[in-house]
């Protein structure tokens, strides 16, 4: 069986390697791994004016709109912006550069920046922009792949779309140097079922997918089914005080503006 491909329907945003989109069986592992972070922060966003900086396809911002008072999106990609406006009319969407956010000073309570910082060339300038548009006591919620496990032993990211990946220590330093107090550092980990799937697929279900994709090999039906069946319940989010943060897959920082 060949690897499933992205759909071509009007409401399907194409895969580029820089963003994750819903509704594609072969992309489901990565989609759920991103989605679990949005689910985790829903209550933190309740009743708040939220900005998603780097909103991509828009599915995450749409999730946040279930509890937030308002959700504004900013993304640089014109195709993504047009898609988000069309598919998620409950959102306010702007096309703009993340280091020059098209928002007034102190205009939002919470900024969500998930799986984006690793793509930016000027990470510090973006963090300073977040500080500018947040109200006093506001929160910046940021997730990013953990450099230690995502590109082990390397300074240059394995992913060609990434400019600089961060460890928990490096992410804390980035935020702390530009006006934020990191009040919580969490990690995303495989839960029990994914650990079992890792064992089933030779030690890593991630590698099982990537190796076949790089080699241009078809996916066996069993791998397609296992990947397509993953849900957010298959991931765990744990605080640094509860687990080895350097062993996490992704980092999730909660930072308060001061």
C-alpha atoms as a PDB file:
ATOM      1  CA  UNK A   1       0.000   0.000   0.000  1.00  0.00           C
ATOM      2  CA  UNK A   2       1.328   3.449  -0.889  1.00  0.00           C
ATOM      3  CA  UNK A   3       1.578   6.252   1.645  1.00  0.00           C
ATOM      4  CA  UNK A   4      -1.656   8.287   1.759  1.00  0.00           C
ATOM      5  CA  UNK A   5      -1.409  11.703   0.128  1.00  0.00           C
ATOM      6  CA  UNK A   6      -2.852  15.054   1.047  1.00  0.00           C
ATOM      7  CA  UNK A   7      -6.319  15.744  -0.261  1.00  0.00           C
ATOM      8  CA  UNK A   8      -7.002  18.231  -3.014  1.00  0.00           C
ATOM      9  CA  UNK A   9     -10.402  19.473  -1.862  1.00  0.00           C
ATOM     10  CA  UNK A  10     -11.192  23.152  -1.546  1.00  0.00           C
ATOM     11  CA  UNK A  11     -10.912  23.099   2.228  1.00  0.00           C
ATOM     12  CA  UNK A  12      -7.629  21.119   2.322  1.00  0.00           C
ATOM     13  CA  UNK A  13      -4.457  23.143   2.824  1.00  0.00           C
ATOM     14  CA  UNK A  14      -1.465  21.524   1.136  1.00  0.00           C
ATOM     15  CA  UNK A  15       1.389  20.064   3.136  1.00  0.00           C
ATOM     16  CA  UNK A  16       4.643  22.011   2.794  1.00  0.00           C
ATOM     17  CA  UNK A  17       6.883  20.476   5.455  1.00  0.00           C
ATOM     18  CA  UNK A  18       6.519  23.622   7.562  1.00  0.00           C
ATOM     19  CA  UNK A  19       3.060  23.025   9.011  1.00  0.00           C
ATOM     20  CA  UNK A  20       0.768  20.238  10.105  1.00  0.00           C
ATOM     21  CA  UNK A  21      -2.771  19.935   8.805  1.00  0.00           C
ATOM     22  CA  UNK A  22      -5.734  17.809   9.892  1.00  0.00           C
ATOM     23  CA  UNK A  23      -7.484  15.101   7.944  1.00  0.00           C
ATOM     24  CA  UNK A  24      -4.500  13.305   6.387  1.00  0.00           C
ATOM     25  CA  UNK A  25      -4.012   9.739   7.676  1.00  0.00           C
ATOM     26  CA  UNK A  26      -0.249   9.686   7.090  1.00  0.00           C
ATOM     27  CA  UNK A  27       0.129  13.005   8.909  1.00  0.00           C
ATOM     28  CA  UNK A  28      -1.985  11.967  11.885  1.00  0.00           C
ATOM     29  CA  UNK A  29       0.870  11.240  14.312  1.00  0.00           C
ATOM     30  CA  UNK A  30       2.296  14.746  13.906  1.00  0.00           C
ATOM     31  CA  UNK A  31      -1.124  16.388  13.887  1.00  0.00           C
ATOM     32  CA  UNK A  32      -2.145  14.732  17.176  1.00  0.00           C
ATOM     33  CA  UNK A  33       1.240  15.505  18.719  1.00  0.00           C
ATOM     34  CA  UNK A  34       0.578  19.195  18.007  1.00  0.00           C
ATOM     35  CA  UNK A  35      -3.119  19.065  18.839  1.00  0.00           C
ATOM     36  CA  UNK A  36      -2.511  17.757  22.371  1.00  0.00           C
ATOM     37  CA  UNK A  37      -0.781  21.026  23.328  1.00  0.00           C
ATOM     38  CA  UNK A  38      -3.799  23.073  22.234  1.00  0.00           C
ATOM     39  CA  UNK A  39      -6.093  20.816  24.199  1.00  0.00           C
ATOM     40  CA  UNK A  40      -3.885  21.247  27.266  1.00  0.00           C
ATOM     41  CA  UNK A  41      -4.139  25.057  27.235  1.00  0.00           C
ATOM     42  CA  UNK A  42      -7.865  25.414  26.539  1.00  0.00           C
ATOM     43  CA  UNK A  43      -8.706  26.294  30.125  1.00  0.00           C
ATOM     44  CA  UNK A  44      -5.829  28.794  30.346  1.00  0.00           C
ATOM     45  CA  UNK A  45      -7.371  30.672  27.415  1.00  0.00           C
ATOM     46  CA  UNK A  46     -10.909  30.732  28.804  1.00  0.00           C
ATOM     47  CA  UNK A  47     -12.442  34.212  28.650  1.00  0.00           C
ATOM     48  CA  UNK A  48      -9.226  35.788  27.347  1.00  0.00           C
ATOM     49  CA  UNK A  49      -8.287  37.745  24.232  1.00  0.00           C
ATOM     50  CA  UNK A  50      -5.886  35.383  22.486  1.00  0.00           C
ATOM     51  CA  UNK A  51      -3.402  35.890  19.664  1.00  0.00           C
ATOM     52  CA  UNK A  52      -2.041  32.894  17.812  1.00  0.00           C
ATOM     53  CA  UNK A  53       1.229  34.034  16.287  1.00  0.00           C
ATOM     54  CA  UNK A  54       1.958  31.691  13.416  1.00  0.00           C
ATOM     55  CA  UNK A  55      -1.467  30.115  13.067  1.00  0.00           C
ATOM     56  CA  UNK A  56      -0.808  27.933  10.019  1.00  0.00           C
ATOM     57  CA  UNK A  57      -3.881  25.991   8.905  1.00  0.00           C
ATOM     58  CA  UNK A  58      -5.985  27.495  11.709  1.00  0.00           C
ATOM     59  CA  UNK A  59      -7.223  24.347  13.423  1.00  0.00           C
ATOM     60  CA  UNK A  60      -5.522  25.238  16.716  1.00  0.00           C
ATOM     61  CA  UNK A  61      -6.933  28.750  16.819  1.00  0.00           C
ATOM     62  CA  UNK A  62     -10.371  27.314  16.103  1.00  0.00           C
ATOM     63  CA  UNK A  63      -9.980  24.993  19.100  1.00  0.00           C
ATOM     64  CA  UNK A  64      -9.025  27.937  21.314  1.00  0.00           C
ATOM     65  CA  UNK A  65     -12.054  29.897  20.125  1.00  0.00           C
ATOM     66  CA  UNK A  66     -14.266  27.403  21.990  1.00  0.00           C
ATOM     67  CA  UNK A  67     -13.238  28.956  25.307  1.00  0.00           C
ATOM     68  CA  UNK A  68     -11.515  32.280  24.544  1.00  0.00           C
ATOM     69  CA  UNK A  69     -13.287  35.633  24.454  1.00  0.00           C
ATOM     70  CA  UNK A  70     -11.646  36.355  21.097  1.00  0.00           C
ATOM     71  CA  UNK A  71      -8.969  34.769  18.915  1.00  0.00           C
ATOM     72  CA  UNK A  72      -6.825  36.699  16.464  1.00  0.00           C
ATOM     73  CA  UNK A  73      -4.447  34.936  14.075  1.00  0.00           C
ATOM     74  CA  UNK A  74      -1.309  36.238  12.393  1.00  0.00           C
ATOM     75  CA  UNK A  75       0.550  34.251   9.738  1.00  0.00           C
ATOM     76  CA  UNK A  76       2.921  35.290   6.967  1.00  0.00           C
ATOM     77  CA  UNK A  77       1.828  32.710   4.405  1.00  0.00           C
ATOM     78  CA  UNK A  78      -0.845  34.159   2.126  1.00  0.00           C
ATOM     79  CA  UNK A  79      -2.290  30.771   1.199  1.00  0.00           C
ATOM     80  CA  UNK A  80      -2.635  29.803   4.857  1.00  0.00           C
ATOM     81  CA  UNK A  81      -4.283  33.129   5.712  1.00  0.00           C
ATOM     82  CA  UNK A  82      -6.821  32.793   2.886  1.00  0.00           C
ATOM     83  CA  UNK A  83      -7.563  29.224   3.896  1.00  0.00           C
ATOM     84  CA  UNK A  84      -8.036  30.102   7.573  1.00  0.00           C
ATOM     85  CA  UNK A  85     -10.387  32.974   6.760  1.00  0.00           C
ATOM     86  CA  UNK A  86     -12.475  30.697   4.548  1.00  0.00           C
ATOM     87  CA  UNK A  87     -12.589  27.644   6.779  1.00  0.00           C
ATOM     88  CA  UNK A  88     -12.748  29.255  10.236  1.00  0.00           C
ATOM     89  CA  UNK A  89     -14.964  32.356  10.012  1.00  0.00           C
ATOM     90  CA  UNK A  90     -15.053  32.681  13.820  1.00  0.00           C
ATOM     91  CA  UNK A  91     -11.425  33.875  13.769  1.00  0.00           C
ATOM     92  CA  UNK A  92      -9.930  37.284  13.009  1.00  0.00           C
ATOM     93  CA  UNK A  93      -7.018  36.661  10.659  1.00  0.00           C
ATOM     94  CA  UNK A  94      -4.194  38.993   9.616  1.00  0.00           C
ATOM     95  CA  UNK A  95      -1.338  38.434   7.220  1.00  0.00           C
ATOM     96  CA  UNK A  96       1.819  39.794   8.804  1.00  0.00           C
ATOM     97  CA  UNK A  97       5.400  39.302   9.902  1.00  0.00           C
ATOM     98  CA  UNK A  98       5.813  37.859  13.386  1.00  0.00           C
ATOM     99  CA  UNK A  99       8.629  40.267  14.200  1.00  0.00           C
ATOM    100  CA  UNK A 100       6.322  43.189  13.354  1.00  0.00           C
ATOM    101  CA  UNK A 101       2.942  42.064  14.661  1.00  0.00           C
ATOM    102  CA  UNK A 102      -0.016  44.063  13.264  1.00  0.00           C
ATOM    103  CA  UNK A 103      -1.496  44.613  16.750  1.00  0.00           C
ATOM    104  CA  UNK A 104      -1.536  47.534  19.167  1.00  0.00           C
ATOM    105  CA  UNK A 105       0.518  47.632  22.334  1.00  0.00           C
ATOM    106  CA  UNK A 106      -0.983  45.742  25.303  1.00  0.00           C
ATOM    107  CA  UNK A 107      -3.916  44.478  23.223  1.00  0.00           C
ATOM    108  CA  UNK A 108      -4.117  40.749  24.123  1.00  0.00           C
ATOM    109  CA  UNK A 109      -4.093  38.610  27.269  1.00  0.00           C
ATOM    110  CA  UNK A 110      -2.480  35.464  25.860  1.00  0.00           C
ATOM    111  CA  UNK A 111      -0.193  34.656  22.965  1.00  0.00           C
ATOM    112  CA  UNK A 112       0.000  31.113  21.632  1.00  0.00           C
ATOM    113  CA  UNK A 113       3.045  30.250  19.535  1.00  0.00           C
ATOM    114  CA  UNK A 114       3.138  26.530  18.834  1.00  0.00           C
ATOM    115  CA  UNK A 115       5.758  24.821  16.674  1.00  0.00           C
ATOM    116  CA  UNK A 116       6.847  28.134  15.136  1.00  0.00           C
ATOM    117  CA  UNK A 117       9.831  29.610  17.012  1.00  0.00           C
ATOM    118  CA  UNK A 118      12.187  27.024  15.474  1.00  0.00           C
ATOM    119  CA  UNK A 119      11.370  28.442  12.015  1.00  0.00           C
ATOM    120  CA  UNK A 120      12.246  32.053  12.857  1.00  0.00           C
ATOM    121  CA  UNK A 121      15.568  33.702  12.113  1.00  0.00           C
ATOM    122  CA  UNK A 122      15.218  36.460  14.708  1.00  0.00           C
ATOM    123  CA  UNK A 123      13.756  34.664  17.688  1.00  0.00           C
ATOM    124  CA  UNK A 124      14.572  37.392  20.216  1.00  0.00           C
ATOM    125  CA  UNK A 125      12.859  40.089  18.174  1.00  0.00           C
ATOM    126  CA  UNK A 126       9.718  37.972  18.016  1.00  0.00           C
ATOM    127  CA  UNK A 127       9.728  37.459  21.785  1.00  0.00           C
ATOM    128  CA  UNK A 128      10.096  41.225  22.254  1.00  0.00           C
ATOM    129  CA  UNK A 129       7.097  41.760  19.970  1.00  0.00           C
ATOM    130  CA  UNK A 130       5.104  39.354  22.113  1.00  0.00           C
ATOM    131  CA  UNK A 131       6.049  41.398  25.178  1.00  0.00           C
ATOM    132  CA  UNK A 132       4.872  44.572  23.423  1.00  0.00           C
ATOM    133  CA  UNK A 133       1.384  43.359  22.507  1.00  0.00           C
ATOM    134  CA  UNK A 134       0.664  41.493  25.756  1.00  0.00           C
ATOM    135  CA  UNK A 135      -1.149  43.182  28.607  1.00  0.00           C
ATOM    136  CA  UNK A 136       0.460  43.300  32.014  1.00  0.00           C
ATOM    137  CA  UNK A 137       0.430  39.854  33.572  1.00  0.00           C
ATOM    138  CA  UNK A 138      -0.321  38.295  30.194  1.00  0.00           C
ATOM    139  CA  UNK A 139       0.990  34.893  29.153  1.00  0.00           C
ATOM    140  CA  UNK A 140       3.082  33.625  26.282  1.00  0.00           C
ATOM    141  CA  UNK A 141       2.488  29.902  25.664  1.00  0.00           C
ATOM    142  CA  UNK A 142       5.172  28.483  23.402  1.00  0.00           C
ATOM    143  CA  UNK A 143       5.833  24.974  22.141  1.00  0.00           C
ATOM    144  CA  UNK A 144       8.758  23.763  20.060  1.00  0.00           C
ATOM    145  CA  UNK A 145      10.521  20.490  19.285  1.00  0.00           C
ATOM    146  CA  UNK A 146      13.072  19.599  21.945  1.00  0.00           C
ATOM    147  CA  UNK A 147      16.436  19.970  20.208  1.00  0.00           C
ATOM    148  CA  UNK A 148      17.999  17.228  22.324  1.00  0.00           C
ATOM    149  CA  UNK A 149      15.608  14.554  21.062  1.00  0.00           C
ATOM    150  CA  UNK A 150      14.563  16.064  17.708  1.00  0.00           C
ATOM    151  CA  UNK A 151      18.080  16.607  16.324  1.00  0.00           C
ATOM    152  CA  UNK A 152      20.212  14.606  18.754  1.00  0.00           C
ATOM    153  CA  UNK A 153      23.892  15.489  18.889  1.00  0.00           C
ATOM    154  CA  UNK A 154      23.564  18.241  16.303  1.00  0.00           C
ATOM    155  CA  UNK A 155      23.746  22.030  16.297  1.00  0.00           C
ATOM    156  CA  UNK A 156      22.215  22.182  12.804  1.00  0.00           C
ATOM    157  CA  UNK A 157      18.568  21.017  12.728  1.00  0.00           C
ATOM    158  CA  UNK A 158      17.758  17.844  10.834  1.00  0.00           C
ATOM    159  CA  UNK A 159      14.593  19.483   9.528  1.00  0.00           C
ATOM    160  CA  UNK A 160      15.609  21.785   6.638  1.00  0.00           C
ATOM    161  CA  UNK A 161      12.736  24.165   7.468  1.00  0.00           C
ATOM    162  CA  UNK A 162      14.085  24.834  10.972  1.00  0.00           C
ATOM    163  CA  UNK A 163      16.583  27.626  11.592  1.00  0.00           C
ATOM    164  CA  UNK A 164      17.365  27.073  15.281  1.00  0.00           C
ATOM    165  CA  UNK A 165      15.992  24.450  17.629  1.00  0.00           C
ATOM    166  CA  UNK A 166      16.048  24.827  21.408  1.00  0.00           C
ATOM    167  CA  UNK A 167      16.523  22.760  24.523  1.00  0.00           C
ATOM    168  CA  UNK A 168      14.532  23.516  27.670  1.00  0.00           C
ATOM    169  CA  UNK A 169      17.455  25.525  29.045  1.00  0.00           C
ATOM    170  CA  UNK A 170      17.853  27.494  25.814  1.00  0.00           C
ATOM    171  CA  UNK A 171      14.126  28.198  25.565  1.00  0.00           C
ATOM    172  CA  UNK A 172      14.096  29.435  29.164  1.00  0.00           C
ATOM    173  CA  UNK A 173      17.040  31.738  28.441  1.00  0.00           C
ATOM    174  CA  UNK A 174      15.401  33.113  25.295  1.00  0.00           C
ATOM    175  CA  UNK A 175      12.200  34.015  27.125  1.00  0.00           C
ATOM    176  CA  UNK A 176      13.889  35.263  30.291  1.00  0.00           C
ATOM    177  CA  UNK A 177      16.242  37.569  28.391  1.00  0.00           C
ATOM    178  CA  UNK A 178      13.359  39.387  26.705  1.00  0.00           C
ATOM    179  CA  UNK A 179      10.963  40.259  29.510  1.00  0.00           C
ATOM    180  CA  UNK A 180       9.302  37.020  30.564  1.00  0.00           C
ATOM    181  CA  UNK A 181       9.263  34.881  33.675  1.00  0.00           C
ATOM    182  CA  UNK A 182       9.057  31.184  32.772  1.00  0.00           C
ATOM    183  CA  UNK A 183       6.582  29.930  35.361  1.00  0.00           C
ATOM    184  CA  UNK A 184       6.252  26.396  33.992  1.00  0.00           C
ATOM    185  CA  UNK A 185       8.227  24.195  31.609  1.00  0.00           C
ATOM    186  CA  UNK A 186       6.479  21.076  30.394  1.00  0.00           C
ATOM    187  CA  UNK A 187       7.237  18.297  27.960  1.00  0.00           C
ATOM    188  CA  UNK A 188       5.228  16.150  25.565  1.00  0.00           C
ATOM    189  CA  UNK A 189       5.934  12.419  25.853  1.00  0.00           C
ATOM    190  CA  UNK A 190       4.619   9.188  24.399  1.00  0.00           C
ATOM    191  CA  UNK A 191       1.969   7.626  26.603  1.00  0.00           C
ATOM    192  CA  UNK A 192       1.514   3.900  27.230  1.00  0.00           C
ATOM    193  CA  UNK A 193      -0.037   3.045  23.869  1.00  0.00           C
ATOM    194  CA  UNK A 194       2.589   4.919  21.870  1.00  0.00           C
ATOM    195  CA  UNK A 195       5.359   3.277  23.870  1.00  0.00           C
ATOM    196  CA  UNK A 196       3.829  -0.048  22.846  1.00  0.00           C
ATOM    197  CA  UNK A 197       3.730   1.092  19.212  1.00  0.00           C
ATOM    198  CA  UNK A 198       7.373   2.170  19.456  1.00  0.00           C
ATOM    199  CA  UNK A 199       8.268  -1.362  20.525  1.00  0.00           C
ATOM    200  CA  UNK A 200       6.126  -2.844  17.772  1.00  0.00           C
ATOM    201  CA  UNK A 201       7.862  -0.800  15.072  1.00  0.00           C
ATOM    202  CA  UNK A 202      11.446  -1.594  15.960  1.00  0.00           C
ATOM    203  CA  UNK A 203      11.901   0.957  18.729  1.00  0.00           C
ATOM    204  CA  UNK A 204      10.288   4.053  17.211  1.00  0.00           C
ATOM    205  CA  UNK A 205       7.049   4.602  15.321  1.00  0.00           C
ATOM    206  CA  UNK A 206       8.486   7.990  14.327  1.00  0.00           C
ATOM    207  CA  UNK A 207      11.492   6.380  12.641  1.00  0.00           C
ATOM    208  CA  UNK A 208       9.249   3.776  11.024  1.00  0.00           C
ATOM    209  CA  UNK A 209       7.415   6.596   9.246  1.00  0.00           C
ATOM    210  CA  UNK A 210      10.419   8.772   8.424  1.00  0.00           C
ATOM    211  CA  UNK A 211      12.640   5.968   7.131  1.00  0.00           C
ATOM    212  CA  UNK A 212       9.978   4.793   4.685  1.00  0.00           C
ATOM    213  CA  UNK A 213       9.244   8.348   3.558  1.00  0.00           C
ATOM    214  CA  UNK A 214      12.935   9.109   2.917  1.00  0.00           C
ATOM    215  CA  UNK A 215      13.392   5.840   1.062  1.00  0.00           C
ATOM    216  CA  UNK A 216      10.227   6.340  -0.978  1.00  0.00           C
ATOM    217  CA  UNK A 217       8.893   3.050   0.313  1.00  0.00           C
ATOM    218  CA  UNK A 218       5.193   2.242   0.571  1.00  0.00           C
ATOM    219  CA  UNK A 219       3.659   2.036   4.019  1.00  0.00           C
ATOM    220  CA  UNK A 220       2.338  -1.393   5.031  1.00  0.00           C
ATOM    221  CA  UNK A 221      -1.362  -1.394   5.857  1.00  0.00           C
ATOM    222  CA  UNK A 222      -0.613  -2.072   9.521  1.00  0.00           C
ATOM    223  CA  UNK A 223       1.541   1.074   9.853  1.00  0.00           C
ATOM    224  CA  UNK A 224      -1.103   3.178   8.120  1.00  0.00           C
ATOM    225  CA  UNK A 225      -3.739   1.863  10.517  1.00  0.00           C
ATOM    226  CA  UNK A 226      -1.554   2.386  13.595  1.00  0.00           C
ATOM    227  CA  UNK A 227      -0.693   5.969  12.625  1.00  0.00           C
ATOM    228  CA  UNK A 228      -4.252   6.838  11.631  1.00  0.00           C
ATOM    229  CA  UNK A 229      -5.565   5.525  14.970  1.00  0.00           C
ATOM    230  CA  UNK A 230      -3.420   7.778  17.195  1.00  0.00           C
ATOM    231  CA  UNK A 231      -5.305  10.296  19.368  1.00  0.00           C
ATOM    232  CA  UNK A 232      -4.256  13.021  21.786  1.00  0.00           C
ATOM    233  CA  UNK A 233      -4.945  10.582  24.624  1.00  0.00           C
ATOM    234  CA  UNK A 234      -1.865   8.651  23.473  1.00  0.00           C
ATOM    235  CA  UNK A 235       0.428  11.513  24.540  1.00  0.00           C
ATOM    236  CA  UNK A 236       1.343  12.670  28.034  1.00  0.00           C
ATOM    237  CA  UNK A 237       2.214  16.227  29.074  1.00  0.00           C
ATOM    238  CA  UNK A 238       4.354  16.389  32.211  1.00  0.00           C
ATOM    239  CA  UNK A 239       6.037  19.154  34.149  1.00  0.00           C
ATOM    240  CA  UNK A 240       9.815  19.342  34.354  1.00  0.00           C
ATOM    241  CA  UNK A 241       9.473  18.564  38.065  1.00  0.00           C
ATOM    242  CA  UNK A 242       7.742  15.277  37.221  1.00  0.00           C
ATOM    243  CA  UNK A 243       9.867  13.917  34.380  1.00  0.00           C
ATOM    244  CA  UNK A 244      13.181  14.325  32.587  1.00  0.00           C
ATOM    245  CA  UNK A 245      12.494  17.393  30.463  1.00  0.00           C
ATOM    246  CA  UNK A 246      15.502  16.666  28.264  1.00  0.00           C
ATOM    247  CA  UNK A 247      13.856  13.371  27.259  1.00  0.00           C
ATOM    248  CA  UNK A 248      10.655  15.063  26.081  1.00  0.00           C
ATOM    249  CA  UNK A 249       9.609  15.163  22.443  1.00  0.00           C
ATOM    250  CA  UNK A 250       8.338  18.735  22.464  1.00  0.00           C
ATOM    251  CA  UNK A 251       8.667  21.548  24.981  1.00  0.00           C
ATOM    252  CA  UNK A 252       5.762  23.656  26.242  1.00  0.00           C
ATOM    253  CA  UNK A 253       6.698  26.819  28.098  1.00  0.00           C
ATOM    254  CA  UNK A 254       4.306  28.988  30.107  1.00  0.00           C
ATOM    255  CA  UNK A 255       5.830  32.460  30.424  1.00  0.00           C
ATOM    256  CA  UNK A 256       4.369  35.497  32.185  1.00  0.00           C
ATOM    257  CA  UNK A 257       5.001  39.045  31.017  1.00  0.00           C
ATOM    258  CA  UNK A 258       6.615  41.363  33.543  1.00  0.00           C
END
